[in-house]
Amino acid sequence: MPLLENPVTSKFKTHKNPDSSIVAFPVSLFWKSAESGFFFKFSKMRRITFILLAVIITSCSKTTEYSLTLKNPATIDQMDAGIILTADMFSKLPDGKIPVIEDPDGNLFPSQADDLDGDGKWDEIFLLANLEAGAEKKAFVRFLDPEGYPDLKARTNIRFANKKDGYIEVSEATRETHADNLITQEIWQMEGIAWENDYIAFRNYFDQRNGMDIFGKVTTNMVLDHVGDAENPEYHAYNPDWGVDVLKVGNSLGAGGIAMLYNDSLYRIGDNGEGLCKVIVDGPLRSIFRFTFNNWKMADQELTVIHDVTITAGTHYYSSKVSYTGSEAPMKLVTGIVNKKSHELLEAGQATDYPAFYTFDLQAEDTTLLGMGLLIPKSEFIETFPAPKEGSGITETYCVSLNIQENTSVDFRFYAVWEREDDRWKTAQGFGDFLAEEAIRASSPVTAEVALSKRKQRIY
């Protein structure tokens, strides 16, 4: 059993809901596992994310247990593979209990249980596992009382803070109804919601530009809580402690922004109507938030568009899930990559179910190498095309169009790599080979099978 050592005190984060009182997370206690090197935090957070211990639980009562079989069908290794177990995969759930996942020796997988609909009960377990090519692992799911549980050091983070309220974080807000970056800068830290993991960070212009931007990182620590705050207002100049804003977005779709193609015209989603943003999960291994665009008009159509954004630990991408209601008229979803400084759109993994389209050039704002890519479901892919170089609408973008219908959703990933983060990102070949492997992993994800456990109950 790993020893626990080196307790250190964490700061607390404060979130403010505009329709409720301020909710403050209490000061917590971190512990370092001498065996694994992981950090864990004891906390009674009111957040909707329940965090699961990644060391051995030393005592528990006898309770329901399930067996779990993890399989990697891919021909390559999958490290930090994200696996989702939904509550309906279990025939019976003990009231008031939180699941933990352990291997046959009692060592627990890093995981978190998330309440996605706000009803106070967990809906999904998100866990990370390392599996070699073709490998299979056995595990067990147990259910324990939540009191006193430690949680993992953050490997993902959301920052959504209003400058006028003293940089207090909010969990939901209404999008600004203009496209003036100077006004938005005065209201929102980093001009809107921002999200990160160990390797990369992103932000959204929380106004009717609805652009997506990239922060290059040179540390695996979570940094966005302080980027652009009162003490660190400048993020367009390289900071050796964390990184820099690496992208110029302009009127492009930037880093995976979204639009609709309707009657051969391209329309930026969110440039009118009412926009909302709500944080769903702010966890150490996975964070999720939702953009809602109500009464959004394009030509003779009026839609409600939902854009869910997820970032997970150990990756170089965020994922998007887009759906809409309000019209049965034929239209296409469009996403894209800004091409202000890139010379061609490259391809990788075209023989898989998730082909990639990418750029790699000296296109970072600090004149360094930056790679950007889209991983697209082949079943929905239509074509790529360039947006105009100039004009009043969407410009300077390599666009990718996708099939979409009312009340259905389309998923895609946006990747970003920066040469200062890792030497792998110093060549286009390195980025292309990485995306080719990512296409294989997305096409052959790790699978999970759940069954009632026949193992003799262990007493800890």
Protein backbone atom coordinates (compact mmCIF):
# COMPACT_ATOMS: atom_id res chain seq x y z
CA MET A 1 0.00 0.00 0.00
CA PRO A 2 1.50 3.36 -0.99
CA LEU A 3 2.43 5.72 1.78
CA LEU A 4 0.97 9.20 2.03
CA GLU A 5 3.27 12.10 2.69
CA ASN A 6 3.86 15.82 2.25
CA PRO A 7 0.49 17.47 2.96
CA VAL A 8 0.21 20.99 1.50
CA THR A 9 -2.65 23.47 1.66
CA SER A 10 -4.42 24.51 -1.53
CA LYS A 11 -6.11 27.77 -2.34
CA PHE A 12 -9.86 27.73 -2.90
CA LYS A 13 -11.66 28.83 -6.04
CA THR A 14 -14.81 30.92 -5.86
CA HIS A 15 -17.62 30.64 -8.38
CA LYS A 16 -20.53 33.01 -8.72
CA ASN A 17 -23.84 32.18 -10.33
CA PRO A 18 -25.56 35.38 -11.49
CA ASP A 19 -28.85 34.02 -10.18
CA SER A 20 -27.62 32.81 -6.81
CA SER A 21 -25.27 33.60 -3.98
CA ILE A 22 -21.52 33.08 -4.19
CA VAL A 23 -20.36 29.50 -3.69
CA ALA A 24 -16.86 29.19 -2.24
CA PHE A 25 -14.88 25.98 -2.36
CA PRO A 26 -13.28 25.33 1.04
CA VAL A 27 -9.55 25.20 1.63
CA SER A 28 -8.41 21.65 0.97
CA LEU A 29 -5.53 19.34 1.79
CA PHE A 30 -3.23 17.78 -0.81
CA TRP A 31 -1.34 14.54 -0.31
CA LYS A 32 1.46 13.06 -2.36
CA SER A 33 1.64 9.32 -2.98
CA ALA A 34 5.22 8.12 -2.42
CA GLU A 35 4.64 5.25 -4.85
CA SER A 36 2.88 6.97 -7.74
CA GLY A 37 3.97 10.59 -7.45
CA PHE A 38 0.36 11.71 -7.90
CA PHE A 39 -1.13 14.48 -5.80
CA PHE A 40 -4.56 14.15 -4.22
CA LYS A 41 -6.84 16.60 -2.45
CA PHE A 42 -9.32 16.10 0.38
CA SER A 43 -12.34 18.28 -0.18
CA LYS A 44 -16.10 18.50 0.42
CA MET A 45 -16.77 20.45 -2.78
CA ARG A 46 -20.27 21.53 -3.69
CA ARG A 47 -19.29 21.14 -7.33
CA ILE A 48 -21.06 18.58 -9.48
CA THR A 49 -17.87 16.57 -10.00
CA PHE A 50 -17.10 13.82 -7.51
CA ILE A 51 -13.41 12.94 -7.64
CA LEU A 52 -12.21 9.40 -7.25
CA LEU A 53 -9.14 8.31 -5.29
CA ALA A 54 -6.11 7.04 -7.22
CA VAL A 55 -4.46 5.31 -4.27
CA ILE A 56 -5.66 2.37 -2.17
CA ILE A 57 -8.68 2.93 0.03
CA THR A 58 -7.80 1.67 3.45
CA SER A 59 -11.24 1.00 4.88
CA CYS A 60 -14.76 0.50 3.58
CA SER A 61 -17.88 -1.47 4.26
CA LYS A 62 -19.14 -4.38 2.23
CA THR A 63 -21.22 -3.18 -0.74
CA THR A 64 -22.26 -3.86 -4.34
CA GLU A 65 -19.39 -4.59 -6.72
CA TYR A 66 -19.09 -4.98 -10.50
CA SER A 67 -16.36 -6.43 -12.68
CA LEU A 68 -14.97 -4.35 -15.52
CA THR A 69 -13.10 -5.50 -18.62
CA LEU A 70 -11.09 -2.90 -20.56
CA LYS A 71 -9.87 -3.79 -24.06
CA ASN A 72 -7.68 -1.91 -26.51
CA PRO A 73 -8.62 -3.10 -30.03
CA ALA A 74 -6.13 -0.72 -31.68
CA THR A 75 -2.82 -1.76 -33.21
CA ILE A 76 -1.01 0.92 -31.18
CA ASP A 77 -0.71 1.69 -27.49
CA GLN A 78 -3.28 3.97 -25.84
CA MET A 79 -1.89 6.00 -22.95
CA ASP A 80 -4.20 8.16 -20.81
CA ALA A 81 -7.08 6.67 -22.78
CA GLY A 82 -10.33 8.30 -21.71
CA ILE A 83 -13.09 5.79 -20.94
CA ILE A 84 -16.70 6.61 -20.06
CA LEU A 85 -18.98 4.37 -17.98
CA THR A 86 -22.59 5.52 -17.84
CA ALA A 87 -24.86 4.93 -14.85
CA ASP A 88 -27.25 2.82 -16.95
CA MET A 89 -24.46 0.25 -17.46
CA PHE A 90 -25.05 -0.84 -13.84
CA SER A 91 -28.14 -2.84 -12.88
CA LYS A 92 -28.21 -1.43 -9.35
CA LEU A 93 -26.67 1.69 -7.84
CA PRO A 94 -26.34 2.05 -4.05
CA ASP A 95 -27.94 5.25 -2.76
CA GLY A 96 -25.52 7.97 -1.73
CA LYS A 97 -22.45 6.05 -2.86
CA ILE A 98 -19.71 7.08 -5.28
CA PRO A 99 -17.91 4.57 -7.53
CA VAL A 100 -14.20 3.78 -7.45
CA ILE A 101 -12.40 1.54 -9.92
CA GLU A 102 -9.57 -0.76 -8.89
CA ASP A 103 -7.38 -3.42 -10.45
CA PRO A 104 -7.26 -6.97 -8.98
CA ASP A 105 -4.48 -5.89 -6.60
CA GLY A 106 -6.57 -3.07 -5.13
CA ASN A 107 -4.81 -0.19 -6.92
CA LEU A 108 -7.31 2.38 -8.12
CA PHE A 109 -7.52 3.98 -11.54
CA PRO A 110 -7.63 7.80 -11.70
CA SER A 111 -11.26 8.66 -12.35
CA GLN A 112 -14.09 11.06 -11.59
CA ALA A 113 -17.86 10.65 -11.40
CA ASP A 114 -19.82 13.50 -12.99
CA ASP A 115 -23.34 14.78 -12.49
CA LEU A 116 -24.15 16.07 -15.98
CA ASP A 117 -27.80 17.06 -15.48
CA GLY A 118 -27.55 18.73 -12.06
CA ASP A 119 -29.86 16.33 -10.20
CA GLY A 120 -27.30 15.53 -7.51
CA LYS A 121 -26.58 12.01 -8.81
CA TRP A 122 -23.64 10.93 -10.92
CA ASP A 123 -24.35 10.13 -14.58
CA GLU A 124 -20.94 9.13 -15.90
CA ILE A 125 -17.63 7.82 -14.63
CA PHE A 126 -14.68 9.17 -16.58
CA LEU A 127 -11.46 7.20 -16.06
CA LEU A 128 -7.98 7.11 -17.56
CA ALA A 129 -6.15 3.89 -18.36
CA ASN A 130 -2.95 2.85 -20.12
CA LEU A 131 -3.28 -0.14 -22.44
CA GLU A 132 -0.73 -1.53 -24.85
CA ALA A 133 -1.80 -2.51 -28.37
CA GLY A 134 -4.36 -5.32 -28.22
CA ALA A 135 -4.18 -5.49 -24.43
CA GLU A 136 -6.96 -6.32 -21.97
CA LYS A 137 -7.23 -5.33 -18.32
CA LYS A 138 -9.53 -6.53 -15.57
CA ALA A 139 -10.88 -4.14 -12.95
CA PHE A 140 -13.63 -3.81 -10.37
CA VAL A 141 -16.13 -1.05 -9.63
CA ARG A 142 -17.00 -0.52 -5.97
CA PHE A 143 -19.21 2.07 -4.30
CA LEU A 144 -18.10 4.03 -1.26
CA ASP A 145 -19.30 6.90 0.92
CA PRO A 146 -18.20 10.27 -0.49
CA GLU A 147 -17.18 11.88 2.82
CA GLY A 148 -13.48 12.49 3.18
CA TYR A 149 -12.53 11.28 -0.29
CA PRO A 150 -9.32 12.71 -1.78
CA ASP A 151 -9.14 13.81 -5.40
CA LEU A 152 -6.51 14.12 -8.08
CA LYS A 153 -4.33 17.10 -8.80
CA ALA A 154 -6.00 19.09 -11.56
CA ARG A 155 -5.02 18.14 -15.09
CA THR A 156 -7.90 20.08 -16.66
CA ASN A 157 -9.30 23.47 -15.71
CA ILE A 158 -11.96 25.98 -16.75
CA ARG A 159 -11.58 29.70 -16.08
CA PHE A 160 -14.66 31.89 -16.56
CA ALA A 161 -14.27 35.13 -14.63
CA ASN A 162 -15.91 38.55 -14.74
CA LYS A 163 -13.35 41.34 -14.31
CA LYS A 164 -15.94 43.85 -13.11
CA ASP A 165 -16.88 41.52 -10.23
CA GLY A 166 -13.29 41.29 -9.03
CA TYR A 167 -12.33 38.30 -11.19
CA ILE A 168 -14.79 36.00 -9.40
CA GLU A 169 -15.55 32.90 -11.44
CA VAL A 170 -19.07 32.36 -12.73
CA SER A 171 -20.70 29.07 -13.66
CA GLU A 172 -23.01 30.56 -16.28
CA ALA A 173 -23.45 33.86 -18.12
CA THR A 174 -25.05 35.55 -21.13
CA ARG A 175 -22.87 36.30 -24.17
CA GLU A 176 -22.13 39.94 -25.01
CA THR A 177 -24.37 41.29 -27.80
CA HIS A 178 -21.67 43.05 -29.82
CA ALA A 179 -18.44 42.20 -31.67
CA ASP A 180 -16.14 44.81 -30.12
CA ASN A 181 -13.08 43.17 -28.55
CA LEU A 182 -12.21 46.32 -26.57
CA ILE A 183 -15.54 46.20 -24.73
CA THR A 184 -15.25 42.46 -24.09
CA GLN A 185 -11.72 42.90 -22.72
CA GLU A 186 -13.07 45.26 -20.07
CA ILE A 187 -15.68 42.74 -18.88
CA TRP A 188 -14.17 39.25 -19.14
CA GLN A 189 -10.81 37.89 -18.10
CA MET A 190 -9.16 36.63 -21.33
CA GLU A 191 -12.23 38.00 -23.20
CA GLY A 192 -14.36 35.02 -22.17
CA ILE A 193 -14.32 31.42 -21.03
CA ALA A 194 -10.97 29.62 -21.24
CA TRP A 195 -10.05 25.97 -20.76
CA GLU A 196 -6.84 23.94 -20.49
CA ASN A 197 -5.21 20.62 -19.78
CA ASP A 198 -1.62 19.55 -19.12
CA TYR A 199 -0.38 20.54 -22.59
CA ILE A 200 -2.52 23.18 -24.27
CA ALA A 201 -5.14 25.85 -23.57
CA PHE A 202 -7.94 27.57 -25.47
CA ARG A 203 -10.33 30.49 -25.08
CA ASN A 204 -13.56 31.76 -26.65
CA TYR A 205 -14.32 35.38 -27.46
CA PHE A 206 -17.51 35.71 -25.44
CA ASP A 207 -19.29 38.09 -27.80
CA GLN A 208 -20.76 37.88 -31.30
CA ARG A 209 -17.34 37.16 -32.83
CA ASN A 210 -17.56 33.70 -31.18
CA GLY A 211 -13.95 32.99 -32.15
CA MET A 212 -11.71 30.24 -30.77
CA ASP A 213 -8.13 31.07 -29.76
CA ILE A 214 -5.09 29.12 -28.48
CA PHE A 215 -2.68 29.57 -25.60
CA GLY A 216 0.60 27.71 -26.01
CA LYS A 217 1.85 26.23 -22.71
CA VAL A 218 5.34 25.35 -21.48
CA THR A 219 4.19 23.87 -18.17
CA THR A 220 1.85 21.03 -17.23
CA ASN A 221 0.49 23.08 -14.32
CA MET A 222 -2.91 24.73 -14.57
CA VAL A 223 -2.24 28.42 -15.28
CA LEU A 224 -5.40 30.06 -16.61
CA ASP A 225 -6.71 31.21 -13.24
CA HIS A 226 -4.05 33.92 -13.32
CA VAL A 227 -3.57 34.59 -17.04
CA GLY A 228 -5.03 37.99 -17.82
CA ASP A 229 -5.87 38.82 -14.22
CA ALA A 230 -5.11 42.13 -12.51
CA GLU A 231 -1.55 41.10 -11.67
CA ASN A 232 -0.83 39.44 -15.04
CA PRO A 233 -2.81 41.41 -17.63
CA GLU A 234 -0.44 40.77 -20.56
CA TYR A 235 -0.67 37.42 -22.33
CA HIS A 236 0.40 38.36 -25.87
CA ALA A 237 4.11 38.39 -24.91
CA TYR A 238 5.90 35.12 -24.15
CA ASN A 239 6.12 34.30 -20.45
CA PRO A 240 8.70 31.55 -19.67
CA ASP A 241 6.66 30.54 -16.62
CA TRP A 242 3.65 29.40 -18.64
CA GLY A 243 3.53 30.40 -22.33
CA VAL A 244 1.66 32.90 -24.55
CA ASP A 245 -1.39 33.55 -26.71
CA VAL A 246 -0.10 32.04 -29.96
CA LEU A 247 -2.88 32.70 -32.47
CA LYS A 248 -4.24 35.61 -34.46
CA VAL A 249 -7.91 34.87 -35.20
CA GLY A 250 -9.30 38.02 -36.86
CA ASN A 251 -12.48 37.26 -38.84
CA SER A 252 -11.60 33.59 -39.32
CA LEU A 253 -13.08 30.60 -37.49
CA GLY A 254 -9.79 30.44 -35.60
CA ALA A 255 -9.22 27.22 -33.69
CA GLY A 256 -12.31 25.17 -34.53
CA GLY A 257 -15.05 27.81 -34.47
CA ILE A 258 -18.41 26.85 -35.99
CA ALA A 259 -20.64 28.09 -38.78
CA MET A 260 -23.51 26.91 -41.00
CA LEU A 261 -23.48 26.59 -44.78
CA TYR A 262 -26.97 27.31 -46.10
CA ASN A 263 -27.94 27.92 -49.73
CA ASP A 264 -24.24 28.29 -50.60
CA SER A 265 -23.71 31.06 -48.03
CA LEU A 266 -21.56 30.76 -44.90
CA TYR A 267 -22.95 32.09 -41.59
CA ARG A 268 -21.05 32.45 -38.32
CA ILE A 269 -22.99 30.83 -35.46
CA GLY A 270 -23.58 33.28 -32.61
CA ASP A 271 -23.32 36.55 -34.54
CA ASN A 272 -26.87 37.45 -33.48
CA GLY A 273 -29.57 36.27 -31.08
CA GLU A 274 -29.01 35.29 -27.46
CA GLY A 275 -25.90 33.36 -26.41
CA LEU A 276 -25.41 31.53 -23.12
CA CYS A 277 -22.55 29.59 -21.55
CA LYS A 278 -22.81 27.13 -18.66
CA VAL A 279 -20.06 25.13 -16.94
CA ILE A 280 -21.22 21.52 -16.56
CA VAL A 281 -18.12 19.85 -15.10
CA ASP A 282 -14.89 21.44 -13.85
CA GLY A 283 -12.90 18.37 -12.88
CA PRO A 284 -9.27 17.28 -12.62
CA LEU A 285 -9.45 14.76 -15.48
CA ARG A 286 -12.31 16.09 -17.60
CA SER A 287 -14.02 19.47 -17.90
CA ILE A 288 -17.16 20.27 -19.90
CA PHE A 289 -19.14 23.39 -20.70
CA ARG A 290 -22.01 24.27 -23.03
CA PHE A 291 -22.65 27.13 -25.42
CA THR A 292 -26.32 27.71 -26.28
CA PHE A 293 -27.32 30.03 -29.12
CA ASN A 294 -31.02 30.91 -28.97
CA ASN A 295 -32.96 32.70 -31.72
CA TRP A 296 -29.95 32.63 -34.01
CA LYS A 297 -30.95 33.80 -37.48
CA MET A 298 -29.42 33.09 -40.87
CA ALA A 299 -31.28 34.17 -43.99
CA ASP A 300 -34.87 32.90 -43.57
CA GLN A 301 -34.02 30.40 -40.81
CA GLU A 302 -34.07 30.74 -37.00
CA LEU A 303 -32.31 28.06 -34.95
CA THR A 304 -31.27 27.04 -31.47
CA VAL A 305 -27.73 25.66 -31.60
CA ILE A 306 -26.01 23.69 -28.81
CA HIS A 307 -22.21 23.46 -28.76
CA ASP A 308 -20.72 21.28 -26.01
CA VAL A 309 -16.97 21.59 -25.43
CA THR A 310 -14.92 18.95 -23.55
CA ILE A 311 -11.26 18.82 -22.64
CA THR A 312 -9.57 15.80 -21.03
CA ALA A 313 -6.21 15.19 -19.37
CA GLY A 314 -3.19 14.10 -21.35
CA THR A 315 -4.39 15.22 -24.81
CA HIS A 316 -3.60 17.99 -27.29
CA TYR A 317 -7.19 18.70 -28.31
CA TYR A 318 -10.63 19.76 -27.19
CA SER A 319 -13.72 18.03 -28.57
CA SER A 320 -16.92 19.63 -29.85
CA LYS A 321 -20.42 18.23 -30.03
CA VAL A 322 -22.85 20.36 -32.07
CA SER A 323 -26.60 20.02 -32.58
CA TYR A 324 -29.52 22.29 -33.52
CA THR A 325 -33.29 22.56 -33.58
CA GLY A 326 -35.72 24.86 -35.36
CA SER A 327 -35.55 23.89 -39.03
CA GLU A 328 -35.79 20.87 -41.31
CA ALA A 329 -34.18 22.77 -44.19
CA PRO A 330 -30.95 21.21 -45.54
CA MET A 331 -27.79 22.81 -44.23
CA LYS A 332 -24.20 21.85 -43.40
CA LEU A 333 -22.13 22.33 -40.27
CA VAL A 334 -18.78 24.00 -40.93
CA THR A 335 -15.69 24.22 -38.74
CA GLY A 336 -12.22 25.35 -39.64
CA ILE A 337 -8.61 26.36 -39.09
CA VAL A 338 -7.36 29.92 -39.53
CA ASN A 339 -4.97 30.17 -42.50
CA LYS A 340 -3.52 33.66 -42.10
CA LYS A 341 0.04 32.31 -42.08
CA SER A 342 -0.21 28.73 -43.36
CA HIS A 343 0.52 27.65 -46.94
CA GLU A 344 -1.45 24.43 -47.39
CA LEU A 345 -3.99 22.12 -45.77
CA LEU A 346 -2.45 18.70 -45.13
CA GLU A 347 -4.11 15.32 -44.53
CA ALA A 348 -3.46 12.32 -42.26
CA GLY A 349 -5.26 9.12 -41.31
CA GLN A 350 -7.45 9.16 -44.40
CA ALA A 351 -7.89 5.37 -44.33
CA THR A 352 -9.44 5.46 -40.83
CA ASP A 353 -12.91 6.36 -39.59
CA TYR A 354 -11.57 9.72 -38.33
CA PRO A 355 -9.41 11.43 -40.95
CA ALA A 356 -7.40 14.52 -39.98
CA PHE A 357 -6.87 17.83 -41.76
CA TYR A 358 -4.10 20.05 -40.48
CA THR A 359 -1.64 22.89 -40.98
CA PHE A 360 1.92 23.27 -39.76
CA ASP A 361 3.89 26.47 -40.26
CA LEU A 362 5.64 29.37 -38.57
CA GLN A 363 2.17 30.64 -37.76
CA ALA A 364 2.32 31.33 -34.02
CA GLU A 365 2.22 35.00 -33.10
CA ASP A 366 5.70 34.74 -31.59
CA THR A 367 6.93 33.47 -35.03
CA THR A 368 7.42 29.89 -33.76
CA LEU A 369 6.05 26.68 -35.24
CA LEU A 370 2.39 25.93 -34.56
CA GLY A 371 0.39 22.94 -35.73
CA MET A 372 -3.42 22.95 -35.85
CA GLY A 373 -5.68 20.11 -36.92
CA LEU A 374 -9.22 18.79 -37.10
CA LEU A 375 -10.16 15.14 -36.56
CA ILE A 376 -13.44 14.57 -38.37
CA PRO A 377 -15.85 11.59 -38.48
CA LYS A 378 -15.59 10.20 -42.01
CA SER A 379 -19.28 9.27 -41.92
CA GLU A 380 -20.22 12.97 -41.77
CA PHE A 381 -17.40 14.53 -43.81
CA ILE A 382 -18.39 16.34 -47.02
CA GLU A 383 -15.50 18.48 -48.26
CA THR A 384 -12.84 21.06 -47.48
CA PHE A 385 -12.83 24.55 -49.00
CA PRO A 386 -11.16 27.91 -48.36
CA ALA A 387 -13.05 30.93 -47.08
CA PRO A 388 -12.41 34.24 -48.88
CA LYS A 389 -9.18 36.07 -48.02
CA GLU A 390 -11.12 39.24 -47.24
CA GLY A 391 -14.67 40.50 -46.88
CA SER A 392 -17.27 41.20 -44.22
CA GLY A 393 -18.02 37.59 -43.30
CA ILE A 394 -15.84 34.63 -42.34
CA THR A 395 -12.39 34.97 -43.93
CA GLU A 396 -8.93 33.37 -43.95
CA THR A 397 -10.07 29.89 -42.96
CA TYR A 398 -9.57 26.35 -44.21
CA CYS A 399 -13.17 25.17 -43.85
CA VAL A 400 -14.43 21.61 -43.37
CA SER A 401 -18.12 20.89 -44.00
CA LEU A 402 -20.06 18.11 -42.27
CA ASN A 403 -23.48 16.55 -42.63
CA ILE A 404 -25.87 17.55 -39.86
CA GLN A 405 -29.64 17.28 -39.38
CA GLU A 406 -32.07 18.70 -36.86
CA ASN A 407 -32.04 16.91 -33.48
CA THR A 408 -28.85 15.00 -34.29
CA SER A 409 -25.32 15.81 -33.13
CA VAL A 410 -21.93 15.86 -34.82
CA ASP A 411 -18.64 15.45 -32.96
CA PHE A 412 -15.17 16.57 -33.97
CA ARG A 413 -11.82 17.40 -32.34
CA PHE A 414 -9.55 20.40 -32.69
CA TYR A 415 -5.82 19.79 -32.09
CA ALA A 416 -3.05 22.28 -31.39
CA VAL A 417 0.68 21.67 -30.82
CA TRP A 418 3.43 24.24 -30.26
CA GLU A 419 7.16 23.74 -30.74
CA ARG A 420 8.06 25.27 -27.35
CA GLU A 421 5.99 22.58 -25.58
CA ASP A 422 7.73 19.52 -27.06
CA ASP A 423 10.48 18.79 -29.59
CA ARG A 424 8.05 16.50 -31.43
CA TRP A 425 6.38 19.62 -32.77
CA LYS A 426 9.40 20.96 -34.66
CA THR A 427 8.46 19.26 -37.95
CA ALA A 428 5.32 18.82 -40.03
CA GLN A 429 6.16 15.11 -40.25
CA GLY A 430 6.09 14.79 -36.47
CA PHE A 431 2.67 16.41 -36.21
CA GLY A 432 1.30 14.44 -39.16
CA ASP A 433 2.49 11.11 -37.71
CA PHE A 434 0.91 12.02 -34.37
CA LEU A 435 -2.44 12.83 -36.01
CA ALA A 436 -2.30 9.57 -37.98
CA GLU A 437 -1.98 7.68 -34.70
CA GLU A 438 -4.75 9.75 -33.12
CA ALA A 439 -7.00 8.80 -36.05
CA ILE A 440 -6.32 5.11 -35.31
CA ARG A 441 -7.09 5.60 -31.61
CA ALA A 442 -10.33 7.45 -32.34
CA SER A 443 -11.37 4.72 -34.79
CA SER A 444 -10.57 1.93 -32.28
CA PRO A 445 -11.26 3.35 -28.82
CA VAL A 446 -10.76 1.38 -25.63
CA THR A 447 -13.94 -0.55 -24.82
CA ALA A 448 -15.44 -1.32 -21.41
CA GLU A 449 -17.72 -4.20 -20.40
CA VAL A 450 -19.50 -4.24 -17.03
CA ALA A 451 -20.87 -7.28 -15.19
CA LEU A 452 -21.81 -8.17 -11.63
CA SER A 453 -18.66 -9.23 -9.86
CA LYS A 454 -18.19 -12.82 -8.71
CA ARG A 455 -15.12 -11.87 -6.72
CA LYS A 456 -15.24 -12.51 -3.01
CA GLN A 457 -15.86 -9.20 -1.25
CA ARG A 458 -12.74 -7.70 0.23
CA ILE A 459 -12.67 -6.04 3.62
CA TYR A 460 -10.32 -3.03 3.85
